[in-house]
Amino acid sequence: MSEQTKATPASVATRGSALAVERDGTLASHHGTTSIADTVVSKIAGLAAKDVSGVHSLGGGAARAVGALRERIPGGRVNHAQGISVEVGETQAAVDIDLIAEYGVPIADLAAGVRRNVISAVERMTGLQVTEVDITVADVHLPSDDADEDADAAPRVR
């Protein structure tokens, strides 16, 4: 069976475990199928990308501003999928990542590390084959940016 040939429910019933071997046994078997939502892959990819040293944050300017507001709302949670866009098929996934790099980190090495970490995490946790990970470095975070943020957070009146 080629990679482009899809298994039908009828073929699952007639071939049983043969399907598990052909599709790595992770998403379909004679006992049923498993569907993985886009949000699941987005969160896994986001957490894997943030784990790479040299990634300051994920998302472009607007996404980070919305994320910061969301976190300040009581009961608001961190959006681990911020800056991540995915396409998930039956057996494959493609991931797009927007990130902010730390100043001084070689961007080509950073992108390779993020790509490697995301592919490993998504494939290990979901069983999906990651066909590509496209990375856009939207900005570079400078150490002086932290000082500006601290000054903005200080109260004006004491």
N, C-alpha and C. Protein backbone atom coordinates (compact mmCIF):
# COMPACT_ATOMS: atom_id res chain seq x y z
N MET A 1 0.85 -1.17 0.00
CA MET A 1 0.00 0.00 0.00
C MET A 1 0.89 1.23 0.00
N SER A 2 0.68 2.17 -0.89
CA SER A 2 1.51 3.37 -0.95
C SER A 2 1.09 4.33 0.14
N GLU A 3 1.92 5.37 0.38
CA GLU A 3 1.59 6.35 1.41
C GLU A 3 0.34 7.14 1.06
N GLN A 4 0.06 7.27 -0.26
CA GLN A 4 -1.09 8.06 -0.67
C GLN A 4 -2.39 7.29 -0.58
N THR A 5 -2.35 5.97 -0.48
CA THR A 5 -3.55 5.17 -0.40
C THR A 5 -4.08 5.21 1.02
N LYS A 6 -5.34 5.53 1.16
CA LYS A 6 -5.97 5.61 2.48
C LYS A 6 -6.74 4.34 2.76
N ALA A 7 -6.78 3.94 4.02
CA ALA A 7 -7.54 2.77 4.42
C ALA A 7 -8.99 3.17 4.61
N THR A 8 -9.90 2.33 4.19
CA THR A 8 -11.32 2.58 4.39
C THR A 8 -11.80 1.72 5.54
N PRO A 9 -12.97 2.05 6.12
CA PRO A 9 -13.48 1.21 7.21
C PRO A 9 -13.64 -0.24 6.80
N ALA A 10 -14.01 -0.49 5.55
CA ALA A 10 -14.16 -1.87 5.09
C ALA A 10 -12.82 -2.59 5.08
N SER A 11 -11.76 -1.87 4.68
CA SER A 11 -10.45 -2.52 4.65
C SER A 11 -9.95 -2.79 6.06
N VAL A 12 -10.35 -1.98 7.02
CA VAL A 12 -9.96 -2.21 8.40
C VAL A 12 -10.55 -3.54 8.87
N ALA A 13 -11.82 -3.76 8.56
CA ALA A 13 -12.48 -4.98 9.01
C ALA A 13 -11.90 -6.21 8.35
N THR A 14 -11.47 -6.11 7.11
CA THR A 14 -10.98 -7.31 6.42
C THR A 14 -9.51 -7.56 6.65
N ARG A 15 -8.72 -6.52 6.87
CA ARG A 15 -7.29 -6.74 7.02
C ARG A 15 -6.84 -6.79 8.47
N GLY A 16 -7.61 -6.25 9.39
CA GLY A 16 -7.27 -6.32 10.80
C GLY A 16 -5.92 -5.74 11.12
N SER A 17 -5.02 -6.56 11.64
CA SER A 17 -3.73 -6.08 12.10
C SER A 17 -2.81 -5.64 10.97
N ALA A 18 -3.09 -6.02 9.73
CA ALA A 18 -2.26 -5.57 8.62
C ALA A 18 -2.27 -4.05 8.53
N LEU A 19 -3.40 -3.44 8.83
CA LEU A 19 -3.49 -1.99 8.81
C LEU A 19 -2.59 -1.38 9.88
N ALA A 20 -2.53 -1.99 11.04
CA ALA A 20 -1.71 -1.46 12.12
C ALA A 20 -0.25 -1.43 11.71
N VAL A 21 0.21 -2.42 10.97
CA VAL A 21 1.60 -2.44 10.53
C VAL A 21 1.83 -1.36 9.48
N GLU A 22 0.90 -1.23 8.54
CA GLU A 22 1.09 -0.26 7.47
C GLU A 22 1.00 1.18 7.95
N ARG A 23 0.23 1.44 8.96
CA ARG A 23 0.07 2.81 9.46
C ARG A 23 0.72 2.96 10.83
N ASP A 24 1.73 2.17 11.11
CA ASP A 24 2.51 2.23 12.34
C ASP A 24 1.71 1.87 13.58
N GLY A 25 0.49 1.43 13.44
CA GLY A 25 -0.29 0.98 14.57
C GLY A 25 -0.67 2.07 15.56
N THR A 26 -0.44 3.33 15.24
CA THR A 26 -0.68 4.38 16.20
C THR A 26 -2.05 5.03 16.09
N LEU A 27 -2.58 5.16 14.88
CA LEU A 27 -3.82 5.90 14.72
C LEU A 27 -5.00 5.06 14.25
N ALA A 28 -4.73 3.87 13.76
CA ALA A 28 -5.83 3.01 13.32
C ALA A 28 -5.47 1.55 13.55
N SER A 29 -6.45 0.80 13.98
CA SER A 29 -6.27 -0.63 14.17
C SER A 29 -7.62 -1.29 13.96
N HIS A 30 -7.66 -2.58 14.14
CA HIS A 30 -8.93 -3.27 13.97
C HIS A 30 -9.87 -2.98 15.15
N HIS A 31 -9.39 -2.31 16.19
CA HIS A 31 -10.22 -1.94 17.34
C HIS A 31 -10.83 -0.55 17.20
N GLY A 32 -10.35 0.25 16.24
CA GLY A 32 -10.90 1.59 16.04
C GLY A 32 -9.84 2.56 15.57
N THR A 33 -10.24 3.82 15.45
CA THR A 33 -9.31 4.86 15.00
C THR A 33 -9.18 5.93 16.07
N THR A 34 -8.12 6.69 15.97
CA THR A 34 -7.88 7.80 16.88
C THR A 34 -7.73 9.06 16.05
N SER A 35 -8.50 10.09 16.38
CA SER A 35 -8.39 11.39 15.71
C SER A 35 -7.73 12.36 16.68
N ILE A 36 -6.81 13.15 16.17
CA ILE A 36 -6.10 14.11 17.01
C ILE A 36 -6.44 15.52 16.52
N ALA A 37 -6.96 16.34 17.41
CA ALA A 37 -7.39 17.70 17.07
C ALA A 37 -6.18 18.60 16.81
N ASP A 38 -6.40 19.62 15.99
CA ASP A 38 -5.36 20.59 15.69
C ASP A 38 -4.81 21.25 16.96
N THR A 39 -5.68 21.53 17.92
CA THR A 39 -5.24 22.21 19.14
C THR A 39 -4.26 21.37 19.95
N VAL A 40 -4.42 20.06 19.89
CA VAL A 40 -3.51 19.16 20.60
C VAL A 40 -2.11 19.28 20.00
N VAL A 41 -2.03 19.21 18.68
CA VAL A 41 -0.73 19.32 18.00
C VAL A 41 -0.14 20.71 18.22
N SER A 42 -0.98 21.74 18.20
CA SER A 42 -0.50 23.11 18.42
C SER A 42 0.14 23.27 19.80
N LYS A 43 -0.51 22.74 20.82
CA LYS A 43 0.03 22.85 22.17
C LYS A 43 1.34 22.08 22.32
N ILE A 44 1.38 20.87 21.77
CA ILE A 44 2.61 20.07 21.84
C ILE A 44 3.74 20.81 21.14
N ALA A 45 3.48 21.34 19.95
CA ALA A 45 4.51 22.06 19.19
C ALA A 45 4.94 23.32 19.93
N GLY A 46 3.98 24.04 20.52
CA GLY A 46 4.32 25.26 21.25
C GLY A 46 5.21 25.00 22.44
N LEU A 47 4.86 23.99 23.22
CA LEU A 47 5.68 23.66 24.39
C LEU A 47 7.07 23.17 23.97
N ALA A 48 7.13 22.39 22.91
CA ALA A 48 8.43 21.88 22.42
C ALA A 48 9.29 23.03 21.90
N ALA A 49 8.69 24.00 21.23
CA ALA A 49 9.46 25.13 20.71
C ALA A 49 9.98 26.01 21.84
N LYS A 50 9.16 26.24 22.87
CA LYS A 50 9.58 27.07 24.00
C LYS A 50 10.71 26.43 24.80
N ASP A 51 10.82 25.11 24.74
CA ASP A 51 11.87 24.40 25.48
C ASP A 51 13.26 24.62 24.90
N VAL A 52 13.36 25.14 23.70
CA VAL A 52 14.66 25.31 23.05
C VAL A 52 15.31 26.59 23.55
N SER A 53 16.53 26.48 24.01
CA SER A 53 17.28 27.63 24.49
C SER A 53 17.50 28.61 23.33
N GLY A 54 17.20 29.88 23.58
CA GLY A 54 17.35 30.89 22.54
C GLY A 54 16.02 31.39 22.01
N VAL A 55 14.92 30.68 22.36
CA VAL A 55 13.58 31.14 22.00
C VAL A 55 13.10 32.03 23.14
N HIS A 56 12.88 33.30 22.85
CA HIS A 56 12.39 34.21 23.89
C HIS A 56 10.90 34.02 24.10
N SER A 57 10.15 34.01 23.00
CA SER A 57 8.70 33.82 23.07
C SER A 57 8.18 33.41 21.71
N LEU A 58 6.91 33.02 21.68
CA LEU A 58 6.27 32.61 20.44
C LEU A 58 5.23 33.63 20.03
N GLY A 59 5.06 33.79 18.74
CA GLY A 59 4.05 34.70 18.20
C GLY A 59 4.66 36.01 17.76
N GLY A 60 3.93 36.70 16.88
CA GLY A 60 4.34 38.02 16.44
C GLY A 60 3.88 39.06 17.44
N GLY A 61 4.01 40.32 17.10
CA GLY A 61 3.67 41.40 18.01
C GLY A 61 2.23 41.38 18.48
N ALA A 62 1.28 41.25 17.55
CA ALA A 62 -0.14 41.27 17.91
C ALA A 62 -0.51 40.06 18.77
N ALA A 63 -0.01 38.90 18.41
CA ALA A 63 -0.32 37.68 19.17
C ALA A 63 0.22 37.77 20.58
N ARG A 64 1.41 38.34 20.74
CA ARG A 64 1.98 38.47 22.08
C ARG A 64 1.21 39.48 22.91
N ALA A 65 0.73 40.57 22.29
CA ALA A 65 -0.05 41.57 23.01
C ALA A 65 -1.36 40.98 23.51
N VAL A 66 -2.03 40.22 22.65
CA VAL A 66 -3.28 39.57 23.05
C VAL A 66 -3.00 38.54 24.14
N GLY A 67 -1.92 37.80 24.01
CA GLY A 67 -1.55 36.81 25.03
C GLY A 67 -1.27 37.44 26.37
N ALA A 68 -0.61 38.60 26.38
CA ALA A 68 -0.31 39.29 27.63
C ALA A 68 -1.60 39.76 28.30
N LEU A 69 -2.54 40.27 27.51
CA LEU A 69 -3.83 40.68 28.08
C LEU A 69 -4.58 39.49 28.63
N ARG A 70 -4.55 38.40 27.90
CA ARG A 70 -5.26 37.18 28.31
C ARG A 70 -4.75 36.67 29.66
N GLU A 71 -3.44 36.73 29.85
CA GLU A 71 -2.84 36.24 31.09
C GLU A 71 -3.18 37.13 32.28
N ARG A 72 -3.44 38.41 32.06
CA ARG A 72 -3.75 39.34 33.15
C ARG A 72 -5.19 39.22 33.64
N ILE A 73 -6.05 38.63 32.83
CA ILE A 73 -7.45 38.46 33.22
C ILE A 73 -7.51 37.40 34.31
N PRO A 74 -8.19 37.67 35.42
CA PRO A 74 -8.30 36.65 36.47
C PRO A 74 -8.87 35.35 35.91
N GLY A 75 -8.19 34.27 36.17
CA GLY A 75 -8.61 32.97 35.66
C GLY A 75 -8.09 32.69 34.26
N GLY A 76 -7.43 33.67 33.65
CA GLY A 76 -6.88 33.49 32.31
C GLY A 76 -5.70 32.55 32.34
N ARG A 77 -5.54 31.82 31.27
CA ARG A 77 -4.44 30.85 31.20
C ARG A 77 -3.48 31.20 30.08
N VAL A 78 -2.29 30.67 30.16
CA VAL A 78 -1.29 30.86 29.11
C VAL A 78 -1.73 30.07 27.89
N ASN A 79 -1.64 30.71 26.74
CA ASN A 79 -1.96 30.02 25.49
C ASN A 79 -0.68 29.38 24.97
N HIS A 80 -0.55 28.08 25.16
CA HIS A 80 0.66 27.38 24.74
C HIS A 80 0.76 27.23 23.23
N ALA A 81 -0.34 27.49 22.53
CA ALA A 81 -0.35 27.38 21.08
C ALA A 81 -0.14 28.73 20.40
N GLN A 82 0.15 29.77 21.16
CA GLN A 82 0.39 31.10 20.60
C GLN A 82 1.55 31.04 19.62
N GLY A 83 1.36 31.59 18.45
CA GLY A 83 2.42 31.62 17.45
C GLY A 83 2.55 30.33 16.67
N ILE A 84 1.66 29.38 16.90
CA ILE A 84 1.72 28.07 16.24
C ILE A 84 0.49 27.90 15.36
N SER A 85 0.72 27.45 14.15
CA SER A 85 -0.37 27.13 13.24
C SER A 85 -0.09 25.73 12.70
N VAL A 86 -1.11 24.88 12.68
CA VAL A 86 -0.89 23.50 12.22
C VAL A 86 -1.97 23.09 11.22
N GLU A 87 -1.60 22.12 10.41
CA GLU A 87 -2.55 21.41 9.56
C GLU A 87 -2.38 19.94 9.93
N VAL A 88 -3.47 19.31 10.33
CA VAL A 88 -3.41 17.92 10.75
C VAL A 88 -4.28 17.07 9.83
N GLY A 89 -3.69 16.04 9.26
CA GLY A 89 -4.42 15.08 8.45
C GLY A 89 -4.62 13.79 9.21
N GLU A 90 -4.92 12.72 8.49
CA GLU A 90 -5.13 11.43 9.15
C GLU A 90 -3.85 10.85 9.72
N THR A 91 -2.75 11.03 9.01
CA THR A 91 -1.49 10.44 9.47
C THR A 91 -0.33 11.42 9.48
N GLN A 92 -0.55 12.65 9.02
CA GLN A 92 0.54 13.61 8.91
C GLN A 92 0.13 14.96 9.49
N ALA A 93 1.14 15.76 9.83
CA ALA A 93 0.91 17.11 10.32
C ALA A 93 1.99 18.04 9.77
N ALA A 94 1.62 19.29 9.54
CA ALA A 94 2.57 20.34 9.16
C ALA A 94 2.43 21.46 10.19
N VAL A 95 3.54 22.07 10.55
CA VAL A 95 3.55 23.07 11.62
C VAL A 95 4.22 24.34 11.13
N ASP A 96 3.60 25.49 11.43
CA ASP A 96 4.19 26.80 11.18
C ASP A 96 4.39 27.48 12.53
N ILE A 97 5.57 28.06 12.73
CA ILE A 97 5.91 28.68 14.01
C ILE A 97 6.41 30.10 13.79
N ASP A 98 5.85 31.06 14.53
CA ASP A 98 6.36 32.42 14.59
C ASP A 98 7.01 32.58 15.95
N LEU A 99 8.27 33.03 15.97
CA LEU A 99 8.95 33.15 17.26
C LEU A 99 9.80 34.40 17.33
N ILE A 100 10.16 34.73 18.57
CA ILE A 100 11.08 35.82 18.87
C ILE A 100 12.35 35.17 19.40
N ALA A 101 13.48 35.47 18.75
CA ALA A 101 14.76 34.88 19.15
C ALA A 101 15.47 35.79 20.15
N GLU A 102 16.26 35.19 21.01
CA GLU A 102 17.12 35.95 21.91
C GLU A 102 18.28 36.53 21.09
N TYR A 103 18.68 37.74 21.39
CA TYR A 103 19.80 38.36 20.70
C TYR A 103 21.08 37.55 20.95
N GLY A 104 21.86 37.38 19.91
CA GLY A 104 23.14 36.69 20.02
C GLY A 104 23.07 35.21 19.66
N VAL A 105 21.89 34.65 19.55
CA VAL A 105 21.74 33.24 19.21
C VAL A 105 21.79 33.09 17.68
N PRO A 106 22.62 32.20 17.16
CA PRO A 106 22.64 31.97 15.71
C PRO A 106 21.26 31.48 15.24
N ILE A 107 20.60 32.26 14.41
CA ILE A 107 19.21 31.98 14.03
C ILE A 107 19.09 30.66 13.27
N ALA A 108 20.04 30.35 12.40
CA ALA A 108 19.97 29.08 11.66
C ALA A 108 20.04 27.89 12.62
N ASP A 109 20.92 27.98 13.61
CA ASP A 109 21.02 26.90 14.61
C ASP A 109 19.76 26.83 15.47
N LEU A 110 19.22 27.99 15.83
CA LEU A 110 17.99 28.04 16.62
C LEU A 110 16.85 27.37 15.85
N ALA A 111 16.70 27.72 14.59
CA ALA A 111 15.62 27.14 13.78
C ALA A 111 15.78 25.63 13.66
N ALA A 112 17.01 25.17 13.47
CA ALA A 112 17.24 23.72 13.38
C ALA A 112 16.89 23.03 14.69
N GLY A 113 17.25 23.64 15.81
CA GLY A 113 16.94 23.05 17.11
C GLY A 113 15.44 23.02 17.39
N VAL A 114 14.75 24.11 17.06
CA VAL A 114 13.30 24.16 17.24
C VAL A 114 12.64 23.11 16.36
N ARG A 115 13.06 23.05 15.10
CA ARG A 115 12.49 22.08 14.16
C ARG A 115 12.67 20.65 14.68
N ARG A 116 13.87 20.34 15.13
CA ARG A 116 14.18 19.00 15.63
C ARG A 116 13.33 18.66 16.86
N ASN A 117 13.21 19.61 17.79
CA ASN A 117 12.46 19.39 19.02
C ASN A 117 10.96 19.23 18.75
N VAL A 118 10.43 20.06 17.87
CA VAL A 118 9.00 19.99 17.55
C VAL A 118 8.67 18.68 16.84
N ILE A 119 9.47 18.30 15.86
CA ILE A 119 9.22 17.04 15.15
C ILE A 119 9.26 15.87 16.11
N SER A 120 10.27 15.84 16.96
CA SER A 120 10.40 14.74 17.91
C SER A 120 9.20 14.66 18.85
N ALA A 121 8.80 15.80 19.43
CA ALA A 121 7.70 15.80 20.39
C ALA A 121 6.37 15.43 19.74
N VAL A 122 6.07 16.01 18.59
CA VAL A 122 4.78 15.74 17.93
C VAL A 122 4.71 14.29 17.48
N GLU A 123 5.77 13.79 16.87
CA GLU A 123 5.75 12.40 16.39
C GLU A 123 5.68 11.42 17.55
N ARG A 124 6.42 11.69 18.62
CA ARG A 124 6.43 10.78 19.77
C ARG A 124 5.08 10.77 20.48
N MET A 125 4.48 11.93 20.66
CA MET A 125 3.26 12.01 21.45
C MET A 125 1.98 11.69 20.66
N THR A 126 2.00 11.92 19.35
CA THR A 126 0.78 11.72 18.57
C THR A 126 0.84 10.56 17.60
N GLY A 127 2.03 10.15 17.19
CA GLY A 127 2.15 9.13 16.17
C GLY A 127 1.99 9.68 14.76
N LEU A 128 1.72 10.98 14.64
CA LEU A 128 1.61 11.60 13.32
C LEU A 128 3.00 11.82 12.74
N GLN A 129 3.11 11.72 11.43
CA GLN A 129 4.37 12.03 10.76
C GLN A 129 4.37 13.53 10.48
N VAL A 130 5.40 14.23 10.93
CA VAL A 130 5.51 15.67 10.69
C VAL A 130 6.22 15.86 9.36
N THR A 131 5.50 16.43 8.39
CA THR A 131 6.05 16.58 7.05
C THR A 131 6.91 17.82 6.91
N GLU A 132 6.58 18.88 7.66
CA GLU A 132 7.41 20.08 7.62
C GLU A 132 7.15 20.95 8.84
N VAL A 133 8.17 21.72 9.19
CA VAL A 133 8.05 22.72 10.25
C VAL A 133 8.65 24.00 9.68
N ASP A 134 7.79 24.95 9.36
CA ASP A 134 8.24 26.24 8.82
C ASP A 134 8.33 27.23 9.98
N ILE A 135 9.46 27.94 10.04
CA ILE A 135 9.72 28.85 11.15
C ILE A 135 9.92 30.26 10.62
N THR A 136 9.23 31.22 11.23
CA THR A 136 9.42 32.63 10.93
C THR A 136 9.94 33.30 12.19
N VAL A 137 11.12 33.90 12.07
CA VAL A 137 11.67 34.66 13.20
C VAL A 137 11.17 36.08 13.01
N ALA A 138 10.22 36.48 13.85
CA ALA A 138 9.54 37.77 13.70
C ALA A 138 10.31 38.92 14.34
N ASP A 139 11.18 38.63 15.29
CA ASP A 139 11.89 39.70 15.99
C ASP A 139 13.05 39.09 16.77
N VAL A 140 13.91 39.95 17.26
CA VAL A 140 15.01 39.56 18.13
C VAL A 140 14.84 40.32 19.44
N HIS A 141 14.86 39.59 20.55
CA HIS A 141 14.70 40.19 21.87
C HIS A 141 16.06 40.67 22.37
N LEU A 142 16.13 41.95 22.71
CA LEU A 142 17.37 42.54 23.21
C LEU A 142 17.34 42.60 24.73
N PRO A 143 18.49 42.46 25.38
CA PRO A 143 18.52 42.55 26.85
C PRO A 143 17.94 43.87 27.35
N SER A 144 18.10 44.96 26.60
CA SER A 144 17.57 46.25 27.03
C SER A 144 16.04 46.27 27.01
N ASP A 145 15.41 45.35 26.26
CA ASP A 145 13.94 45.27 26.24
C ASP A 145 13.40 44.90 27.62
N ASP A 146 14.13 44.08 28.38
CA ASP A 146 13.69 43.71 29.72
C ASP A 146 13.69 44.91 30.66
N ALA A 147 14.69 45.78 30.53
CA ALA A 147 14.76 46.97 31.38
C ALA A 147 13.58 47.90 31.08
N ASP A 148 13.19 48.01 29.81
CA ASP A 148 12.04 48.84 29.44
C ASP A 148 10.75 48.29 30.03
N GLU A 149 10.59 46.97 30.02
CA GLU A 149 9.40 46.34 30.58
C GLU A 149 9.33 46.54 32.09
N ASP A 150 10.48 46.45 32.78
CA ASP A 150 10.51 46.64 34.23
C ASP A 150 10.15 48.08 34.57
N ALA A 151 10.60 49.04 33.79
CA ALA A 151 10.29 50.45 34.04
C ALA A 151 8.80 50.71 33.85
N ASP A 152 8.20 50.05 32.87
CA ASP A 152 6.76 50.23 32.62
C ASP A 152 5.94 49.63 33.75
N ALA A 153 6.44 48.60 34.41
CA ALA A 153 5.68 47.94 35.47
C ALA A 153 5.76 48.67 36.80
N ALA A 154 6.75 49.55 36.96
CA ALA A 154 6.92 50.27 38.24
C ALA A 154 5.78 51.26 38.44
N PRO A 155 5.27 51.35 39.65
CA PRO A 155 4.19 52.30 39.91
C PRO A 155 4.70 53.73 39.79
N ARG A 156 3.84 54.62 39.33
CA ARG A 156 4.22 56.02 39.19
C ARG A 156 4.16 56.76 40.51
N VAL A 157 3.26 56.32 41.39
CA VAL A 157 3.10 57.01 42.67
C VAL A 157 3.34 56.01 43.79
N ARG A 158 4.06 56.45 44.80
CA ARG A 158 4.32 55.57 45.95
C ARG A 158 3.73 56.15 47.18
